[in-house]
Amino acid sequence: MAQRIVNYMLYDTDRATYVASVGSEGFDKTDSSYWEGVLYVTKKKHWFVVAEGGEESSFDSGEHNLVPLSTGDAMRMLEKNKFWDIILEHFEIEEA
């Protein structure tokens, strides 16, 4: 379980919906840019990731971090990991 209050909003993994496991590709755990985490969405459609990574990643080395994401950042994270079915499940995508 992870909880964090950011800008007067509570982000809680126990109350949010698990979306996907995400992380850096092409790096191994010994690389300082490596990171891995879990993407969540709240009932009110606020996105966040709980992750850990190397000292050159976006996350402190060896520590779990909960970081709120914009909708666009969550979408890009899912696109980068090629989670097309998850994108269709959580976002309104206009047909071409």
PDB file of N, CA and C in Angstrom:
ATOM      1  N   MET A   1       0.840  -1.178   0.000  1.00  0.00           N
ATOM      2  CA  MET A   1       0.000   0.000   0.000  1.00  0.00           C
ATOM      3  C   MET A   1       0.889   1.248   0.000  1.00  0.00           C
ATOM      4  N   ALA A   2       0.493   2.209  -0.801  1.00  0.00           N
ATOM      5  CA  ALA A   2       1.189   3.493  -0.825  1.00  0.00           C
ATOM      6  C   ALA A   2       0.135   4.598  -0.805  1.00  0.00           C
ATOM      7  N   GLN A   3       0.435   5.636  -0.048  1.00  0.00           N
ATOM      8  CA  GLN A   3      -0.434   6.811   0.021  1.00  0.00           C
ATOM      9  C   GLN A   3       0.425   8.057  -0.047  1.00  0.00           C
ATOM     10  N   ARG A   4      -0.140   9.100  -0.658  1.00  0.00           N
ATOM     11  CA  ARG A   4       0.547  10.386  -0.664  1.00  0.00           C
ATOM     12  C   ARG A   4      -0.486  11.475  -0.916  1.00  0.00           C
ATOM     13  N   ILE A   5      -0.355  12.582  -0.213  1.00  0.00           N
ATOM     14  CA  ILE A   5      -1.210  13.744  -0.449  1.00  0.00           C
ATOM     15  C   ILE A   5      -0.408  14.736  -1.280  1.00  0.00           C
ATOM     16  N   VAL A   6      -0.978  15.121  -2.423  1.00  0.00           N
ATOM     17  CA  VAL A   6      -0.342  16.082  -3.327  1.00  0.00           C
ATOM     18  C   VAL A   6      -1.399  17.106  -3.715  1.00  0.00           C
ATOM     19  N   ASN A   7      -1.098  18.372  -3.496  1.00  0.00           N
ATOM     20  CA  ASN A   7      -2.041  19.451  -3.823  1.00  0.00           C
ATOM     21  C   ASN A   7      -3.433  19.185  -3.250  1.00  0.00           C
ATOM     22  N   TYR A   8      -3.470  18.792  -1.976  1.00  0.00           N
ATOM     23  CA  TYR A   8      -4.711  18.558  -1.246  1.00  0.00           C
ATOM     24  C   TYR A   8      -5.528  17.384  -1.784  1.00  0.00           C
ATOM     25  N   MET A   9      -4.869  16.480  -2.502  1.00  0.00           N
ATOM     26  CA  MET A   9      -5.556  15.296  -3.028  1.00  0.00           C
ATOM     27  C   MET A   9      -4.845  14.058  -2.522  1.00  0.00           C
ATOM     28  N   LEU A  10      -5.629  13.060  -2.061  1.00  0.00           N
ATOM     29  CA  LEU A  10      -5.080  11.808  -1.557  1.00  0.00           C
ATOM     30  C   LEU A  10      -4.994  10.793  -2.695  1.00  0.00           C
ATOM     31  N   TYR A  11      -3.789  10.290  -2.917  1.00  0.00           N
ATOM     32  CA  TYR A  11      -3.551   9.210  -3.860  1.00  0.00           C
ATOM     33  C   TYR A  11      -3.278   7.964  -3.024  1.00  0.00           C
ATOM     34  N   ASP A  12      -4.067   6.897  -3.238  1.00  0.00           N
ATOM     35  CA  ASP A  12      -3.999   5.712  -2.394  1.00  0.00           C
ATOM     36  C   ASP A  12      -4.122   4.469  -3.283  1.00  0.00           C
ATOM     37  N   THR A  13      -3.110   3.618  -3.263  1.00  0.00           N
ATOM     38  CA  THR A  13      -3.137   2.418  -4.110  1.00  0.00           C
ATOM     39  C   THR A  13      -4.250   1.458  -3.705  1.00  0.00           C
ATOM     40  N   ASP A  14      -4.658   1.472  -2.441  1.00  0.00           N
ATOM     41  CA  ASP A  14      -5.733   0.579  -2.009  1.00  0.00           C
ATOM     42  C   ASP A  14      -7.101   1.002  -2.548  1.00  0.00           C
ATOM     43  N   ARG A  15      -7.259   2.269  -2.857  1.00  0.00           N
ATOM     44  CA  ARG A  15      -8.542   2.778  -3.351  1.00  0.00           C
ATOM     45  C   ARG A  15      -8.567   2.977  -4.865  1.00  0.00           C
ATOM     46  N   ALA A  16      -7.405   2.992  -5.483  1.00  0.00           N
ATOM     47  CA  ALA A  16      -7.305   3.214  -6.924  1.00  0.00           C
ATOM     48  C   ALA A  16      -7.364   1.875  -7.664  1.00  0.00           C
ATOM     49  N   THR A  17      -7.499   1.974  -8.974  1.00  0.00           N
ATOM     50  CA  THR A  17      -7.532   0.795  -9.841  1.00  0.00           C
ATOM     51  C   THR A  17      -6.163   0.572 -10.464  1.00  0.00           C
ATOM     52  N   TYR A  18      -5.649  -0.640 -10.321  1.00  0.00           N
ATOM     53  CA  TYR A  18      -4.411  -1.024 -10.993  1.00  0.00           C
ATOM     54  C   TYR A  18      -4.654  -0.975 -12.500  1.00  0.00           C
ATOM     55  N   VAL A  19      -3.737  -0.372 -13.242  1.00  0.00           N
ATOM     56  CA  VAL A  19      -3.870  -0.293 -14.699  1.00  0.00           C
ATOM     57  C   VAL A  19      -2.835  -1.162 -15.398  1.00  0.00           C
ATOM     58  N   ALA A  20      -1.550  -0.980 -15.059  1.00  0.00           N
ATOM     59  CA  ALA A  20      -0.502  -1.740 -15.753  1.00  0.00           C
ATOM     60  C   ALA A  20       0.828  -1.606 -15.030  1.00  0.00           C
ATOM     61  N   SER A  21       1.698  -2.581 -15.258  1.00  0.00           N
ATOM     62  CA  SER A  21       3.090  -2.467 -14.838  1.00  0.00           C
ATOM     63  C   SER A  21       3.845  -1.763 -15.951  1.00  0.00           C
ATOM     64  N   VAL A  22       4.625  -0.764 -15.597  1.00  0.00           N
ATOM     65  CA  VAL A  22       5.320   0.072 -16.578  1.00  0.00           C
ATOM     66  C   VAL A  22       6.779   0.232 -16.172  1.00  0.00           C
ATOM     67  N   GLY A  23       7.581   0.754 -17.081  1.00  0.00           N
ATOM     68  CA  GLY A  23       8.972   1.005 -16.752  1.00  0.00           C
ATOM     69  C   GLY A  23       9.797   1.339 -17.965  1.00  0.00           C
ATOM     70  N   SER A  24      11.073   1.501 -17.728  1.00  0.00           N
ATOM     71  CA  SER A  24      11.984   1.821 -18.813  1.00  0.00           C
ATOM     72  C   SER A  24      12.308   0.543 -19.583  1.00  0.00           C
ATOM     73  N   GLU A  25      12.414   0.678 -20.879  1.00  0.00           N
ATOM     74  CA  GLU A  25      12.762  -0.458 -21.714  1.00  0.00           C
ATOM     75  C   GLU A  25      14.198  -0.297 -22.184  1.00  0.00           C
ATOM     76  N   GLY A  26      14.881  -1.401 -22.357  1.00  0.00           N
ATOM     77  CA  GLY A  26      16.236  -1.360 -22.856  1.00  0.00           C
ATOM     78  C   GLY A  26      17.290  -1.139 -21.782  1.00  0.00           C
ATOM     79  N   PHE A  27      16.881  -1.107 -20.537  1.00  0.00           N
ATOM     80  CA  PHE A  27      17.815  -0.936 -19.420  1.00  0.00           C
ATOM     81  C   PHE A  27      17.672  -2.141 -18.497  1.00  0.00           C
ATOM     82  N   ASP A  28      18.723  -2.496 -17.800  1.00  0.00           N
ATOM     83  CA  ASP A  28      18.572  -3.511 -16.765  1.00  0.00           C
ATOM     84  C   ASP A  28      18.672  -2.833 -15.397  1.00  0.00           C
ATOM     85  N   LYS A  29      18.396  -3.598 -14.366  1.00  0.00           N
ATOM     86  CA  LYS A  29      18.305  -3.020 -13.022  1.00  0.00           C
ATOM     87  C   LYS A  29      19.606  -2.404 -12.528  1.00  0.00           C
ATOM     88  N   THR A  30      20.729  -2.736 -13.133  1.00  0.00           N
ATOM     89  CA  THR A  30      22.000  -2.150 -12.701  1.00  0.00           C
ATOM     90  C   THR A  30      22.248  -0.789 -13.348  1.00  0.00           C
ATOM     91  N   ASP A  31      21.461  -0.434 -14.355  1.00  0.00           N
ATOM     92  CA  ASP A  31      21.612   0.859 -15.036  1.00  0.00           C
ATOM     93  C   ASP A  31      21.003   1.956 -14.169  1.00  0.00           C
ATOM     94  N   SER A  32      21.688   3.074 -14.039  1.00  0.00           N
ATOM     95  CA  SER A  32      21.201   4.157 -13.176  1.00  0.00           C
ATOM     96  C   SER A  32      19.956   4.846 -13.736  1.00  0.00           C
ATOM     97  N   SER A  33      19.624   4.625 -15.025  1.00  0.00           N
ATOM     98  CA  SER A  33      18.425   5.213 -15.632  1.00  0.00           C
ATOM     99  C   SER A  33      17.224   4.276 -15.572  1.00  0.00           C
ATOM    100  N   TYR A  34      17.431   3.060 -15.100  1.00  0.00           N
ATOM    101  CA  TYR A  34      16.366   2.063 -15.046  1.00  0.00           C
ATOM    102  C   TYR A  34      15.296   2.465 -14.031  1.00  0.00           C
ATOM    103  N   TRP A  35      14.038   2.183 -14.373  1.00  0.00           N
ATOM    104  CA  TRP A  35      12.958   2.334 -13.401  1.00  0.00           C
ATOM    105  C   TRP A  35      11.841   1.357 -13.733  1.00  0.00           C
ATOM    106  N   GLU A  36      11.077   0.983 -12.734  1.00  0.00           N
ATOM    107  CA  GLU A  36       9.902   0.145 -12.919  1.00  0.00           C
ATOM    108  C   GLU A  36       8.847   0.573 -11.924  1.00  0.00           C
ATOM    109  N   GLY A  37       7.592   0.404 -12.326  1.00  0.00           N
ATOM    110  CA  GLY A  37       6.527   0.831 -11.446  1.00  0.00           C
ATOM    111  C   GLY A  37       5.173   0.302 -11.860  1.00  0.00           C
ATOM    112  N   VAL A  38       4.167   0.776 -11.162  1.00  0.00           N
ATOM    113  CA  VAL A  38       2.790   0.377 -11.402  1.00  0.00           C
ATOM    114  C   VAL A  38       1.956   1.637 -11.613  1.00  0.00           C
ATOM    115  N   LEU A  39       1.168   1.628 -12.681  1.00  0.00           N
ATOM    116  CA  LEU A  39       0.299   2.750 -13.033  1.00  0.00           C
ATOM    117  C   LEU A  39      -1.092   2.499 -12.469  1.00  0.00           C
ATOM    118  N   TYR A  40      -1.664   3.540 -11.835  1.00  0.00           N
ATOM    119  CA  TYR A  40      -2.995   3.472 -11.231  1.00  0.00           C
ATOM    120  C   TYR A  40      -3.845   4.627 -11.736  1.00  0.00           C
ATOM    121  N   VAL A  41      -5.166   4.458 -11.631  1.00  0.00           N
ATOM    122  CA  VAL A  41      -6.114   5.542 -11.883  1.00  0.00           C
ATOM    123  C   VAL A  41      -7.147   5.533 -10.753  1.00  0.00           C
ATOM    124  N   THR A  42      -7.507   6.737 -10.288  1.00  0.00           N
ATOM    125  CA  THR A  42      -8.496   6.849  -9.216  1.00  0.00           C
ATOM    126  C   THR A  42      -9.906   6.848  -9.815  1.00  0.00           C
ATOM    127  N   LYS A  43     -10.895   6.753  -8.941  1.00  0.00           N
ATOM    128  CA  LYS A  43     -12.291   6.796  -9.390  1.00  0.00           C
ATOM    129  C   LYS A  43     -12.620   8.114 -10.088  1.00  0.00           C
ATOM    130  N   LYS A  44     -11.897   9.179  -9.709  1.00  0.00           N
ATOM    131  CA  LYS A  44     -12.116  10.488 -10.321  1.00  0.00           C
ATOM    132  C   LYS A  44     -11.203  10.730 -11.524  1.00  0.00           C
ATOM    133  N   LYS A  45     -10.594   9.663 -12.040  1.00  0.00           N
ATOM    134  CA  LYS A  45      -9.750   9.695 -13.248  1.00  0.00           C
ATOM    135  C   LYS A  45      -8.460  10.485 -13.080  1.00  0.00           C
ATOM    136  N   HIS A  46      -7.898  10.451 -11.875  1.00  0.00           N
ATOM    137  CA  HIS A  46      -6.575  11.021 -11.645  1.00  0.00           C
ATOM    138  C   HIS A  46      -5.569   9.878 -11.734  1.00  0.00           C
ATOM    139  N   TRP A  47      -4.520  10.090 -12.495  1.00  0.00           N
ATOM    140  CA  TRP A  47      -3.516   9.069 -12.760  1.00  0.00           C
ATOM    141  C   TRP A  47      -2.304   9.249 -11.854  1.00  0.00           C
ATOM    142  N   PHE A  48      -1.692   8.129 -11.455  1.00  0.00           N
ATOM    143  CA  PHE A  48      -0.433   8.193 -10.719  1.00  0.00           C
ATOM    144  C   PHE A  48       0.345   6.898 -10.906  1.00  0.00           C
ATOM    145  N   VAL A  49       1.632   6.981 -10.641  1.00  0.00           N
ATOM    146  CA  VAL A  49       2.517   5.819 -10.730  1.00  0.00           C
ATOM    147  C   VAL A  49       3.246   5.673  -9.399  1.00  0.00           C
ATOM    148  N   VAL A  50       3.430   4.433  -8.974  1.00  0.00           N
ATOM    149  CA  VAL A  50       4.261   4.112  -7.824  1.00  0.00           C
ATOM    150  C   VAL A  50       5.456   3.358  -8.394  1.00  0.00           C
ATOM    151  N   ALA A  51       6.660   3.913  -8.218  1.00  0.00           N
ATOM    152  CA  ALA A  51       7.815   3.351  -8.909  1.00  0.00           C
ATOM    153  C   ALA A  51       9.081   3.445  -8.081  1.00  0.00           C
ATOM    154  N   GLU A  52      10.070   2.712  -8.536  1.00  0.00           N
ATOM    155  CA  GLU A  52      11.410   2.803  -7.973  1.00  0.00           C
ATOM    156  C   GLU A  52      12.392   2.751  -9.134  1.00  0.00           C
ATOM    157  N   GLY A  53      13.569   3.305  -8.911  1.00  0.00           N
ATOM    158  CA  GLY A  53      14.534   3.310  -9.996  1.00  0.00           C
ATOM    159  C   GLY A  53      15.914   3.735  -9.571  1.00  0.00           C
ATOM    160  N   GLY A  54      16.773   3.804 -10.572  1.00  0.00           N
ATOM    161  CA  GLY A  54      18.157   4.203 -10.358  1.00  0.00           C
ATOM    162  C   GLY A  54      18.276   5.693 -10.103  1.00  0.00           C
ATOM    163  N   GLU A  55      19.467   6.104  -9.728  1.00  0.00           N
ATOM    164  CA  GLU A  55      19.688   7.499  -9.324  1.00  0.00           C
ATOM    165  C   GLU A  55      19.521   8.489 -10.464  1.00  0.00           C
ATOM    166  N   GLU A  56      19.618   8.069 -11.725  1.00  0.00           N
ATOM    167  CA  GLU A  56      19.405   8.972 -12.857  1.00  0.00           C
ATOM    168  C   GLU A  56      17.998   8.860 -13.441  1.00  0.00           C
ATOM    169  N   SER A  57      17.160   8.044 -12.816  1.00  0.00           N
ATOM    170  CA  SER A  57      15.774   7.938 -13.269  1.00  0.00           C
ATOM    171  C   SER A  57      14.958   9.053 -12.626  1.00  0.00           C
ATOM    172  N   SER A  58      13.683   9.070 -12.887  1.00  0.00           N
ATOM    173  CA  SER A  58      12.793  10.068 -12.283  1.00  0.00           C
ATOM    174  C   SER A  58      12.455   9.735 -10.836  1.00  0.00           C
ATOM    175  N   PHE A  59      12.955   8.613 -10.345  1.00  0.00           N
ATOM    176  CA  PHE A  59      12.596   8.130  -9.018  1.00  0.00           C
ATOM    177  C   PHE A  59      13.855   7.915  -8.194  1.00  0.00           C
ATOM    178  N   ASP A  60      13.786   8.233  -6.909  1.00  0.00           N
ATOM    179  CA  ASP A  60      14.939   8.089  -6.018  1.00  0.00           C
ATOM    180  C   ASP A  60      15.425   6.646  -5.988  1.00  0.00           C
ATOM    181  N   SER A  61      16.706   6.488  -5.930  1.00  0.00           N
ATOM    182  CA  SER A  61      17.333   5.169  -5.920  1.00  0.00           C
ATOM    183  C   SER A  61      16.881   4.352  -4.717  1.00  0.00           C
ATOM    184  N   GLY A  62      16.320   3.179  -5.011  1.00  0.00           N
ATOM    185  CA  GLY A  62      15.962   2.250  -3.957  1.00  0.00           C
ATOM    186  C   GLY A  62      14.730   2.597  -3.162  1.00  0.00           C
ATOM    187  N   GLU A  63      14.068   3.709  -3.451  1.00  0.00           N
ATOM    188  CA  GLU A  63      12.883   4.100  -2.696  1.00  0.00           C
ATOM    189  C   GLU A  63      11.644   4.007  -3.571  1.00  0.00           C
ATOM    190  N   HIS A  64      10.525   3.669  -2.928  1.00  0.00           N
ATOM    191  CA  HIS A  64       9.249   3.672  -3.646  1.00  0.00           C
ATOM    192  C   HIS A  64       8.713   5.100  -3.664  1.00  0.00           C
ATOM    193  N   ASN A  65       8.215   5.496  -4.791  1.00  0.00           N
ATOM    194  CA  ASN A  65       7.690   6.847  -4.932  1.00  0.00           C
ATOM    195  C   ASN A  65       6.314   6.801  -5.559  1.00  0.00           C
ATOM    196  N   LEU A  66       5.448   7.657  -5.104  1.00  0.00           N
ATOM    197  CA  LEU A  66       4.131   7.834  -5.694  1.00  0.00           C
ATOM    198  C   LEU A  66       4.137   9.194  -6.364  1.00  0.00           C
ATOM    199  N   VAL A  67       3.894   9.207  -7.680  1.00  0.00           N
ATOM    200  CA  VAL A  67       3.979  10.436  -8.453  1.00  0.00           C
ATOM    201  C   VAL A  67       2.692  10.624  -9.261  1.00  0.00           C
ATOM    202  N   PRO A  68       1.941  11.711  -9.021  1.00  0.00           N
ATOM    203  CA  PRO A  68       0.772  12.003  -9.844  1.00  0.00           C
ATOM    204  C   PRO A  68       1.192  12.293 -11.289  1.00  0.00           C
ATOM    205  N   LEU A  69       0.337  11.921 -12.236  1.00  0.00           N
ATOM    206  CA  LEU A  69       0.602  12.138 -13.654  1.00  0.00           C
ATOM    207  C   LEU A  69      -0.558  12.879 -14.293  1.00  0.00           C
ATOM    208  N   SER A  70      -0.270  13.656 -15.304  1.00  0.00           N
ATOM    209  CA  SER A  70      -1.345  14.231 -16.106  1.00  0.00           C
ATOM    210  C   SER A  70      -1.944  13.109 -16.958  1.00  0.00           C
ATOM    211  N   THR A  71      -3.131  13.346 -17.473  1.00  0.00           N
ATOM    212  CA  THR A  71      -3.758  12.366 -18.357  1.00  0.00           C
ATOM    213  C   THR A  71      -2.876  12.108 -19.572  1.00  0.00           C
ATOM    214  N   GLY A  72      -2.281  13.161 -20.111  1.00  0.00           N
ATOM    215  CA  GLY A  72      -1.392  13.015 -21.259  1.00  0.00           C
ATOM    216  C   GLY A  72      -0.161  12.188 -20.947  1.00  0.00           C
ATOM    217  N   ASP A  73       0.429  12.391 -19.762  1.00  0.00           N
ATOM    218  CA  ASP A  73       1.600  11.601 -19.369  1.00  0.00           C
ATOM    219  C   ASP A  73       1.235  10.126 -19.189  1.00  0.00           C
ATOM    220  N   ALA A  74       0.067   9.867 -18.610  1.00  0.00           N
ATOM    221  CA  ALA A  74      -0.382   8.480 -18.450  1.00  0.00           C
ATOM    222  C   ALA A  74      -0.584   7.836 -19.818  1.00  0.00           C
ATOM    223  N   MET A  75      -1.193   8.569 -20.743  1.00  0.00           N
ATOM    224  CA  MET A  75      -1.421   8.055 -22.101  1.00  0.00           C
ATOM    225  C   MET A  75      -0.084   7.757 -22.783  1.00  0.00           C
ATOM    226  N   ARG A  76       0.871   8.674 -22.692  1.00  0.00           N
ATOM    227  CA  ARG A  76       2.186   8.457 -23.314  1.00  0.00           C
ATOM    228  C   ARG A  76       2.905   7.255 -22.700  1.00  0.00           C
ATOM    229  N   MET A  77       2.758   7.075 -21.392  1.00  0.00           N
ATOM    230  CA  MET A  77       3.377   5.934 -20.725  1.00  0.00           C
ATOM    231  C   MET A  77       2.793   4.631 -21.264  1.00  0.00           C
ATOM    232  N   LEU A  78       1.478   4.598 -21.431  1.00  0.00           N
ATOM    233  CA  LEU A  78       0.825   3.406 -21.966  1.00  0.00           C
ATOM    234  C   LEU A  78       1.179   3.192 -23.447  1.00  0.00           C
ATOM    235  N   GLU A  79       1.243   4.280 -24.212  1.00  0.00           N
ATOM    236  CA  GLU A  79       1.632   4.165 -25.620  1.00  0.00           C
ATOM    237  C   GLU A  79       3.052   3.619 -25.743  1.00  0.00           C
ATOM    238  N   LYS A  80       3.963   4.135 -24.932  1.00  0.00           N
ATOM    239  CA  LYS A  80       5.365   3.708 -24.991  1.00  0.00           C
ATOM    240  C   LYS A  80       5.489   2.213 -24.713  1.00  0.00           C
ATOM    241  N   ASN A  81       4.630   1.707 -23.830  1.00  0.00           N
ATOM    242  CA  ASN A  81       4.644   0.288 -23.500  1.00  0.00           C
ATOM    243  C   ASN A  81       3.723  -0.548 -24.392  1.00  0.00           C
ATOM    244  N   LYS A  82       3.084   0.105 -25.377  1.00  0.00           N
ATOM    245  CA  LYS A  82       2.217  -0.562 -26.362  1.00  0.00           C
ATOM    246  C   LYS A  82       1.024  -1.285 -25.724  1.00  0.00           C
ATOM    247  N   PHE A  83       0.423  -0.621 -24.733  1.00  0.00           N
ATOM    248  CA  PHE A  83      -0.749  -1.172 -24.059  1.00  0.00           C
ATOM    249  C   PHE A  83      -2.020  -0.648 -24.739  1.00  0.00           C
ATOM    250  N   TRP A  84      -2.235  -1.050 -25.988  1.00  0.00           N
ATOM    251  CA  TRP A  84      -3.339  -0.513 -26.800  1.00  0.00           C
ATOM    252  C   TRP A  84      -4.701  -0.841 -26.201  1.00  0.00           C
ATOM    253  N   ASP A  85      -4.909  -2.071 -25.719  1.00  0.00           N
ATOM    254  CA  ASP A  85      -6.206  -2.444 -25.145  1.00  0.00           C
ATOM    255  C   ASP A  85      -6.508  -1.632 -23.884  1.00  0.00           C
ATOM    256  N   ILE A  86      -5.490  -1.365 -23.097  1.00  0.00           N
ATOM    257  CA  ILE A  86      -5.683  -0.579 -21.873  1.00  0.00           C
ATOM    258  C   ILE A  86      -6.027   0.865 -22.232  1.00  0.00           C
ATOM    259  N   ILE A  87      -5.388   1.396 -23.266  1.00  0.00           N
ATOM    260  CA  ILE A  87      -5.702   2.761 -23.720  1.00  0.00           C
ATOM    261  C   ILE A  87      -7.158   2.837 -24.139  1.00  0.00           C
ATOM    262  N   LEU A  88      -7.619   1.870 -24.918  1.00  0.00           N
ATOM    263  CA  LEU A  88      -9.011   1.871 -25.368  1.00  0.00           C
ATOM    264  C   LEU A  88      -9.984   1.718 -24.208  1.00  0.00           C
ATOM    265  N   GLU A  89      -9.573   1.026 -23.160  1.00  0.00           N
ATOM    266  CA  GLU A  89     -10.424   0.832 -21.993  1.00  0.00           C
ATOM    267  C   GLU A  89     -10.582   2.105 -21.163  1.00  0.00           C
ATOM    268  N   HIS A  90      -9.523   2.923 -21.065  1.00  0.00           N
ATOM    269  CA  HIS A  90      -9.502   4.054 -20.135  1.00  0.00           C
ATOM    270  C   HIS A  90      -9.619   5.434 -20.779  1.00  0.00           C
ATOM    271  N   PHE A  91      -9.508   5.513 -22.100  1.00  0.00           N
ATOM    272  CA  PHE A  91      -9.527   6.812 -22.770  1.00  0.00           C
ATOM    273  C   PHE A  91     -10.549   6.796 -23.900  1.00  0.00           C
ATOM    274  N   GLU A  92     -11.103   7.975 -24.155  1.00  0.00           N
ATOM    275  CA  GLU A  92     -11.993   8.127 -25.299  1.00  0.00           C
ATOM    276  C   GLU A  92     -11.132   8.404 -26.519  1.00  0.00           C
ATOM    277  N   ILE A  93     -11.056   7.439 -27.416  1.00  0.00           N
ATOM    278  CA  ILE A  93     -10.225   7.545 -28.604  1.00  0.00           C
ATOM    279  C   ILE A  93     -11.127   7.721 -29.815  1.00  0.00           C
ATOM    280  N   GLU A  94     -10.878   8.763 -30.551  1.00  0.00           N
ATOM    281  CA  GLU A  94     -11.671   9.056 -31.740  1.00  0.00           C
ATOM    282  C   GLU A  94     -11.222   8.164 -32.896  1.00  0.00           C
ATOM    283  N   GLU A  95     -12.173   7.606 -33.575  1.00  0.00           N
ATOM    284  CA  GLU A  95     -11.867   6.766 -34.730  1.00  0.00           C
ATOM    285  C   GLU A  95     -11.498   7.639 -35.920  1.00  0.00           C
ATOM    286  N   ALA A  96     -10.503   7.214 -36.669  1.00  0.00           N
ATOM    287  CA  ALA A  96     -10.031   7.993 -37.836  1.00  0.00           C
ATOM    288  C   ALA A  96     -10.981   7.844 -39.004  1.00  0.00           C
TER     289      ALA A  96
END
